[in-house]
Amino acid sequence: MSRLNQIVNVLQDYELDALLLTGPINRRWATGFKSSAGALVATREGSYFIIDGRYIESAKAAIQGVEVIQIKAGQKYPDVVCEIIARHGAGRLGFEEQVMAQGTYTTYEEKLDWELVPAQKLMDTLRASKSASELDLMGRAQAITDQTFAEILPVITPEMTERELAAEIIYRLLKNGADKPSFDPIVVSGPRSSLPHGSPGDHALSGFVTMDFGAMFDGYCADMTRTIAIGTATDEMRRVYDTVLQAQLAGIRAARAGTPGKEIDAAARQVITDAGYGAYFDHGFGHGIGLEVHEGINAGPTEERILPTGAVISAEPGIYLPGQFGVRIEDILHLTEFGSENLTRSPKELIVL
């Protein structure tokens, strides 16, 4: 079944007569076509893709099962969308409330007779279960990420700065076949490793070095974190590292389709709490990943939604001791009804360089 048909088939479940997609990620997921502009209108009677002259020829060749309409010079997307919607009488139009800007929403609200209904959940749900082709692309993205990690280990020295190591990671991701990094790499070391999302600086590498990075391949993201030590690791550093590793393994054992995200998080969080570090794990166990590095579903402490078969989530517990050091270990998991498949191949035992 095409993705457009998947959307149309669930419109009634969400009490919608049509769905408007203006965000580039959801447009790409629905049509397979990448563009910096455009709008997709999916109705129960038919679907329409509106695009400007830069993309019209490619869109007509690439997109099947929709009427491709070229926006004319001087027209605005809301004008064309409203003309199309008007052909279908009054109804309820779903939109991406987490994507659409307030000004754009106001324009549609003023022009449309239809009721605008938040429908981000519809798209989050459809995108959560990855197809075989999506899993293949994510596996290739992660393989590039794993290869990059293996290649950077021999070049890391105490004289290197966080910024230099981040640059080395980006270079090797691209050299190994990535479209681009799936996000700006996080490289923090020494006391700064306690910053979960710290930016690389001009600090020489020391103590624990946390590297969080991933490749994007054909639009799909990888995401991995490894923490290594420079020189030596104290007993406390080793104790914290082992606690994080055991927490991650506990979460991975609990990860399976049909489970609420919070139960997976709880399995990992209990290990950290029992070790006395519960106050220093202040984010969720994992997040959804796919065309975006952070997608709608997650495995966090408040996530009550059931994670579906085919979902891909990160597995990334951490402990962050302010002013001292931090540790995070992250893989990505494909959930099945029997458990999970780990797409990450990089080693997880503590590496001391």
Protein backbone atom coordinates (compact mmCIF):
# COMPACT_ATOMS: atom_id res chain seq x y z
CA MET A 1 0.00 0.00 0.00
CA SER A 2 1.35 3.44 -0.90
CA ARG A 3 1.96 5.93 1.87
CA LEU A 4 -0.65 8.26 0.40
CA ASN A 5 -3.17 5.45 0.62
CA GLN A 6 -2.13 4.84 4.22
CA ILE A 7 -2.94 8.48 4.98
CA VAL A 8 -6.29 8.42 3.19
CA ASN A 9 -7.27 5.16 4.87
CA VAL A 10 -6.92 6.62 8.37
CA LEU A 11 -8.57 10.00 7.75
CA GLN A 12 -11.90 8.67 8.98
CA ASP A 13 -10.28 7.25 12.13
CA TYR A 14 -9.19 10.79 13.00
CA GLU A 15 -12.55 12.29 11.95
CA LEU A 16 -10.89 14.19 9.11
CA ASP A 17 -12.04 14.85 5.57
CA ALA A 18 -8.58 15.85 4.36
CA LEU A 19 -5.00 16.36 5.53
CA LEU A 20 -2.69 19.24 4.61
CA LEU A 21 1.05 18.61 4.77
CA THR A 22 3.33 21.62 4.48
CA GLY A 23 6.44 20.39 6.32
CA PRO A 24 9.26 19.03 4.12
CA ILE A 25 9.76 15.85 6.16
CA ASN A 26 6.14 14.71 6.08
CA ARG A 27 5.82 15.69 2.42
CA ARG A 28 8.85 13.59 1.62
CA TRP A 29 7.59 10.62 3.65
CA ALA A 30 4.17 10.73 1.95
CA THR A 31 5.37 11.18 -1.63
CA GLY A 32 9.01 10.09 -1.70
CA PHE A 33 9.84 13.46 -3.25
CA LYS A 34 12.30 15.88 -1.65
CA SER A 35 11.71 19.60 -2.12
CA SER A 36 12.34 22.80 -0.19
CA ALA A 37 8.80 24.03 -0.86
CA GLY A 38 5.41 22.56 -1.64
CA ALA A 39 2.14 21.42 -0.12
CA LEU A 40 0.29 18.10 -0.18
CA VAL A 41 -3.47 17.86 0.18
CA ALA A 42 -4.83 14.34 0.73
CA THR A 43 -8.63 13.99 0.61
CA ARG A 44 -10.89 10.98 0.59
CA GLU A 45 -11.67 11.67 -3.08
CA GLY A 46 -8.16 12.38 -4.33
CA SER A 47 -4.78 13.90 -3.51
CA TYR A 48 -2.91 16.94 -4.81
CA PHE A 49 0.72 18.03 -4.71
CA ILE A 50 1.34 21.72 -5.26
CA ILE A 51 4.84 22.83 -6.28
CA ASP A 52 6.60 25.70 -8.02
CA GLY A 53 8.35 25.71 -11.39
CA ARG A 54 11.73 24.71 -9.97
CA TYR A 55 10.44 21.22 -9.19
CA ILE A 56 7.40 20.72 -11.43
CA GLU A 57 9.02 18.47 -14.04
CA SER A 58 10.75 16.29 -11.46
CA ALA A 59 7.63 16.09 -9.31
CA LYS A 60 5.44 14.95 -12.18
CA ALA A 61 7.94 12.24 -13.04
CA ALA A 62 8.47 11.06 -9.47
CA ILE A 63 5.10 11.24 -7.69
CA GLN A 64 2.41 8.69 -8.48
CA GLY A 65 -1.27 8.68 -7.50
CA VAL A 66 -1.66 12.44 -7.09
CA GLU A 67 -2.53 15.42 -9.24
CA VAL A 68 0.61 17.56 -9.45
CA ILE A 69 -0.25 21.25 -9.74
CA GLN A 70 2.20 24.05 -10.52
CA ILE A 71 1.84 27.19 -8.49
CA LYS A 72 1.87 30.24 -10.77
CA ALA A 73 4.06 33.31 -10.44
CA GLY A 74 2.50 35.67 -7.94
CA GLN A 75 0.39 32.98 -6.30
CA LYS A 76 0.85 31.84 -2.72
CA TYR A 77 0.48 28.30 -1.49
CA PRO A 78 -2.51 29.04 0.78
CA ASP A 79 -4.38 30.49 -2.24
CA VAL A 80 -3.92 27.31 -4.29
CA VAL A 81 -4.63 25.01 -1.35
CA CYS A 82 -7.83 26.87 -0.55
CA GLU A 83 -8.99 26.64 -4.17
CA ILE A 84 -8.47 22.87 -4.13
CA ILE A 85 -10.12 22.36 -0.76
CA ALA A 86 -13.13 24.42 -1.83
CA ARG A 87 -13.92 21.85 -4.55
CA HIS A 88 -14.67 19.30 -1.84
CA GLY A 89 -17.24 21.28 0.15
CA ALA A 90 -16.92 22.01 3.86
CA GLY A 91 -15.24 19.64 6.27
CA ARG A 92 -12.41 19.07 8.75
CA LEU A 93 -8.85 19.65 7.53
CA GLY A 94 -5.96 18.18 9.50
CA PHE A 95 -2.67 20.07 9.69
CA GLU A 96 0.78 19.69 11.29
CA GLU A 97 0.42 21.84 14.39
CA GLN A 98 4.08 21.27 15.34
CA VAL A 99 5.28 22.42 11.91
CA MET A 100 2.99 25.16 10.65
CA ALA A 101 3.94 28.70 11.63
CA GLN A 102 1.34 30.82 13.41
CA GLY A 103 1.21 33.32 10.54
CA THR A 104 0.53 30.55 8.01
CA TYR A 105 -2.13 29.05 10.25
CA THR A 106 -3.86 32.42 10.51
CA THR A 107 -3.85 32.77 6.72
CA TYR A 108 -5.52 29.39 6.25
CA GLU A 109 -7.98 30.07 9.05
CA GLU A 110 -9.07 33.32 7.39
CA LYS A 111 -9.37 31.86 3.88
CA LEU A 112 -10.88 28.43 4.57
CA ASP A 113 -14.44 27.50 5.40
CA TRP A 114 -13.08 24.23 6.72
CA GLU A 115 -12.30 23.55 10.35
CA LEU A 116 -8.55 23.24 10.97
CA VAL A 117 -7.79 20.24 13.19
CA PRO A 118 -4.37 19.41 14.75
CA ALA A 119 -3.21 16.14 13.18
CA GLN A 120 0.47 15.76 13.99
CA LYS A 121 -0.35 12.56 15.89
CA LEU A 122 -1.69 10.97 12.68
CA MET A 123 1.64 11.46 10.91
CA ASP A 124 3.70 10.51 13.97
CA THR A 125 1.78 7.24 14.19
CA LEU A 126 2.13 6.38 10.50
CA ARG A 127 5.83 7.21 10.41
CA ALA A 128 6.64 5.31 13.61
CA SER A 129 6.64 1.85 11.97
CA LYS A 130 9.52 1.64 9.51
CA SER A 131 9.24 -0.30 6.26
CA ALA A 132 11.90 -2.73 5.08
CA SER A 133 13.32 -0.11 2.72
CA GLU A 134 13.49 2.47 5.52
CA LEU A 135 15.25 -0.01 7.81
CA ASP A 136 17.76 -0.73 5.06
CA LEU A 137 18.61 2.96 4.70
CA MET A 138 18.89 3.40 8.47
CA GLY A 139 21.15 0.35 8.65
CA ARG A 140 23.39 1.88 5.99
CA ALA A 141 23.46 5.20 7.85
CA GLN A 142 24.45 3.41 11.05
CA ALA A 143 27.12 1.37 9.26
CA ILE A 144 28.74 4.64 8.12
CA THR A 145 28.56 5.89 11.71
CA ASP A 146 30.16 2.71 13.06
CA GLN A 147 32.92 2.89 10.44
CA THR A 148 33.59 6.50 11.36
CA PHE A 149 33.93 5.65 15.06
CA ALA A 150 36.43 2.89 14.26
CA GLU A 151 38.47 5.28 12.13
CA ILE A 152 38.63 8.16 14.59
CA LEU A 153 39.89 6.13 17.57
CA PRO A 154 43.47 5.85 16.25
CA VAL A 155 43.72 9.59 15.55
CA ILE A 156 42.52 10.83 18.96
CA THR A 157 45.30 12.36 21.08
CA PRO A 158 45.31 14.43 24.30
CA GLU A 159 46.57 17.39 22.24
CA MET A 160 43.44 17.38 20.08
CA THR A 161 40.62 19.78 21.00
CA GLU A 162 36.92 18.99 21.13
CA ARG A 163 36.39 21.17 18.07
CA GLU A 164 39.12 19.39 16.12
CA LEU A 165 37.66 15.99 17.00
CA ALA A 166 34.20 17.13 15.90
CA ALA A 167 35.68 18.29 12.58
CA GLU A 168 37.39 14.92 12.17
CA ILE A 169 34.08 13.13 12.77
CA ILE A 170 32.27 15.25 10.17
CA TYR A 171 35.04 14.73 7.62
CA ARG A 172 35.01 10.97 8.02
CA LEU A 173 31.20 10.72 7.96
CA LEU A 174 31.21 12.45 4.58
CA LYS A 175 34.23 10.49 3.34
CA ASN A 176 32.49 7.22 4.25
CA GLY A 177 29.36 8.04 2.25
CA ALA A 178 27.03 10.13 4.41
CA ASP A 179 24.86 12.78 2.77
CA LYS A 180 25.77 14.89 5.78
CA PRO A 181 25.82 14.48 9.57
CA SER A 182 22.32 13.82 10.89
CA PHE A 183 22.99 16.58 13.46
CA ASP A 184 25.93 18.69 14.64
CA PRO A 185 28.24 16.30 16.52
CA ILE A 186 28.46 16.66 20.29
CA VAL A 187 32.03 16.32 21.55
CA VAL A 188 32.68 17.19 25.20
CA SER A 189 35.46 16.08 27.52
CA GLY A 190 36.76 16.31 31.06
CA PRO A 191 34.38 18.20 33.37
CA ARG A 192 32.44 19.33 30.27
CA SER A 193 31.39 15.72 29.61
CA SER A 194 28.69 16.31 32.24
CA LEU A 195 26.91 18.51 29.65
CA PRO A 196 24.57 16.13 27.79
CA HIS A 197 24.23 18.46 24.78
CA GLY A 198 27.34 20.59 25.17
CA SER A 199 28.92 22.17 22.09
CA PRO A 200 32.52 21.33 21.11
CA GLY A 201 34.97 23.96 22.28
CA ASP A 202 38.68 24.70 22.14
CA HIS A 203 39.35 22.48 25.16
CA ALA A 204 42.07 19.82 24.93
CA LEU A 205 40.70 16.31 25.36
CA SER A 206 40.98 14.87 28.86
CA GLY A 207 39.22 12.45 31.18
CA PHE A 208 36.03 11.12 29.68
CA VAL A 209 35.31 12.14 26.09
CA THR A 210 31.69 11.82 25.02
CA MET A 211 31.01 11.73 21.27
CA ASP A 212 27.40 11.84 20.03
CA PHE A 213 27.09 11.79 16.23
CA GLY A 214 25.42 10.09 13.29
CA ALA A 215 25.31 9.87 9.51
CA MET A 216 22.40 10.76 7.26
CA PHE A 217 22.02 8.45 4.26
CA ASP A 218 19.39 9.11 1.59
CA GLY A 219 17.48 11.21 4.12
CA TYR A 220 17.52 8.70 6.99
CA CYS A 221 19.39 9.28 10.23
CA ALA A 222 21.71 7.34 12.48
CA ASP A 223 22.53 8.37 16.05
CA MET A 224 25.21 6.93 18.30
CA THR A 225 27.06 7.97 21.46
CA ARG A 226 30.28 6.53 22.77
CA THR A 227 32.24 7.66 25.82
CA ILE A 228 35.96 6.88 25.98
CA ALA A 229 38.70 7.82 28.47
CA ILE A 230 41.97 9.60 27.81
CA GLY A 231 45.01 8.39 29.75
CA THR A 232 43.47 6.68 32.77
CA ALA A 233 40.07 6.04 34.32
CA THR A 234 39.56 6.25 38.07
CA ASP A 235 37.57 3.68 40.01
CA GLU A 236 34.61 6.06 40.15
CA MET A 237 34.78 6.70 36.43
CA ARG A 238 34.74 2.96 35.79
CA ARG A 239 31.87 2.46 38.26
CA VAL A 240 29.74 5.12 36.55
CA TYR A 241 30.59 3.78 33.10
CA ASP A 242 29.61 0.25 34.07
CA THR A 243 26.36 1.50 35.64
CA VAL A 244 25.39 3.27 32.42
CA LEU A 245 26.26 0.21 30.37
CA GLN A 246 24.21 -2.11 32.60
CA ALA A 247 21.32 0.35 32.47
CA GLN A 248 21.44 0.41 28.69
CA LEU A 249 21.51 -3.39 28.52
CA ALA A 250 18.51 -3.57 30.89
CA GLY A 251 16.58 -1.13 28.70
CA ILE A 252 17.48 -3.08 25.58
CA ARG A 253 16.21 -6.30 27.19
CA ALA A 254 12.91 -4.55 27.97
CA ALA A 255 12.57 -3.00 24.52
CA ARG A 256 9.97 -4.67 22.35
CA ALA A 257 6.98 -3.70 20.24
CA GLY A 258 3.70 -3.53 22.15
CA THR A 259 5.34 -1.99 25.21
CA PRO A 260 4.70 1.55 26.51
CA GLY A 261 7.79 3.70 26.16
CA LYS A 262 7.86 4.44 29.88
CA GLU A 263 8.31 0.75 30.75
CA ILE A 264 11.50 0.57 28.69
CA ASP A 265 12.75 3.74 30.35
CA ALA A 266 11.90 2.37 33.80
CA ALA A 267 13.97 -0.78 33.28
CA ALA A 268 17.09 1.28 32.58
CA ARG A 269 16.35 3.98 35.13
CA GLN A 270 16.02 1.43 37.95
CA VAL A 271 19.61 0.26 37.42
CA ILE A 272 20.91 3.82 37.71
CA THR A 273 18.71 4.56 40.72
CA ASP A 274 19.82 1.40 42.53
CA ALA A 275 23.44 2.42 42.00
CA GLY A 276 22.77 5.76 43.71
CA TYR A 277 22.92 7.96 40.63
CA GLY A 278 19.20 8.41 39.94
CA ALA A 279 19.36 12.19 40.40
CA TYR A 280 21.96 12.41 37.62
CA PHE A 281 19.97 10.78 34.81
CA ASP A 282 17.68 13.56 33.73
CA HIS A 283 16.53 12.66 30.22
CA GLY A 284 14.63 9.78 28.68
CA PHE A 285 16.05 6.40 27.71
CA GLY A 286 15.39 6.98 24.03
CA HIS A 287 13.60 8.76 21.21
CA GLY A 288 12.16 7.82 17.85
CA ILE A 289 14.44 8.19 14.83
CA GLY A 290 14.02 8.00 11.07
CA LEU A 291 13.82 10.86 8.57
CA GLU A 292 14.40 13.06 11.61
CA VAL A 293 16.91 12.40 14.34
CA HIS A 294 14.13 12.99 16.91
CA GLU A 295 10.70 11.72 15.89
CA GLY A 296 7.33 11.66 17.62
CA ILE A 297 7.41 8.49 19.71
CA ASN A 298 9.89 7.95 22.52
CA ALA A 299 10.96 5.71 25.37
CA GLY A 300 10.83 8.32 28.10
CA PRO A 301 9.52 8.26 31.68
CA THR A 302 6.11 9.72 30.73
CA GLU A 303 5.51 8.01 27.36
CA GLU A 304 2.34 5.95 27.70
CA ARG A 305 1.88 5.25 23.99
CA ILE A 306 2.49 1.67 22.88
CA LEU A 307 5.55 1.44 20.66
CA PRO A 308 4.56 -0.32 17.42
CA THR A 309 6.23 -3.13 15.53
CA GLY A 310 8.86 -1.64 13.25
CA ALA A 311 9.59 1.39 15.41
CA VAL A 312 13.21 2.51 15.69
CA ILE A 313 14.32 4.16 18.92
CA SER A 314 17.58 5.19 20.50
CA ALA A 315 18.87 3.50 23.65
CA GLU A 316 20.87 6.17 25.48
CA PRO A 317 20.91 6.31 29.28
CA GLY A 318 23.48 8.57 30.90
CA ILE A 319 24.87 9.79 34.21
CA TYR A 320 26.09 13.37 34.46
CA LEU A 321 27.95 14.52 37.58
CA PRO A 322 28.13 18.34 37.41
CA GLY A 323 31.67 19.69 37.36
CA GLN A 324 33.17 16.19 37.35
CA PHE A 325 32.30 14.06 34.31
CA GLY A 326 29.49 12.40 32.42
CA VAL A 327 28.89 9.13 30.57
CA ARG A 328 26.37 8.28 27.85
CA ILE A 329 26.19 5.16 25.68
CA GLU A 330 23.76 5.12 22.76
CA ASP A 331 22.66 2.55 20.18
CA ILE A 332 19.60 2.46 17.92
CA LEU A 333 17.08 -0.38 18.15
CA HIS A 334 14.53 -1.78 15.70
CA LEU A 335 11.58 -3.06 17.73
CA THR A 336 9.88 -6.36 16.94
CA GLU A 337 7.22 -8.36 18.75
CA PHE A 338 9.98 -10.60 20.10
CA GLY A 339 12.35 -7.88 21.33
CA SER A 340 14.69 -5.63 19.42
CA GLU A 341 17.37 -5.72 16.76
CA ASN A 342 20.38 -3.54 17.55
CA LEU A 343 21.47 -1.68 14.41
CA THR A 344 24.65 -0.43 16.12
CA ARG A 345 27.80 -2.52 15.86
CA SER A 346 30.43 -0.38 17.63
CA PRO A 347 31.96 -1.87 20.80
CA LYS A 348 30.67 -0.69 24.18
CA GLU A 349 33.34 -1.79 26.63
CA LEU A 350 35.26 1.13 28.12
CA ILE A 351 38.08 2.19 25.81
CA VAL A 352 41.04 3.98 27.42
CA LEU A 353 43.40 5.67 24.99
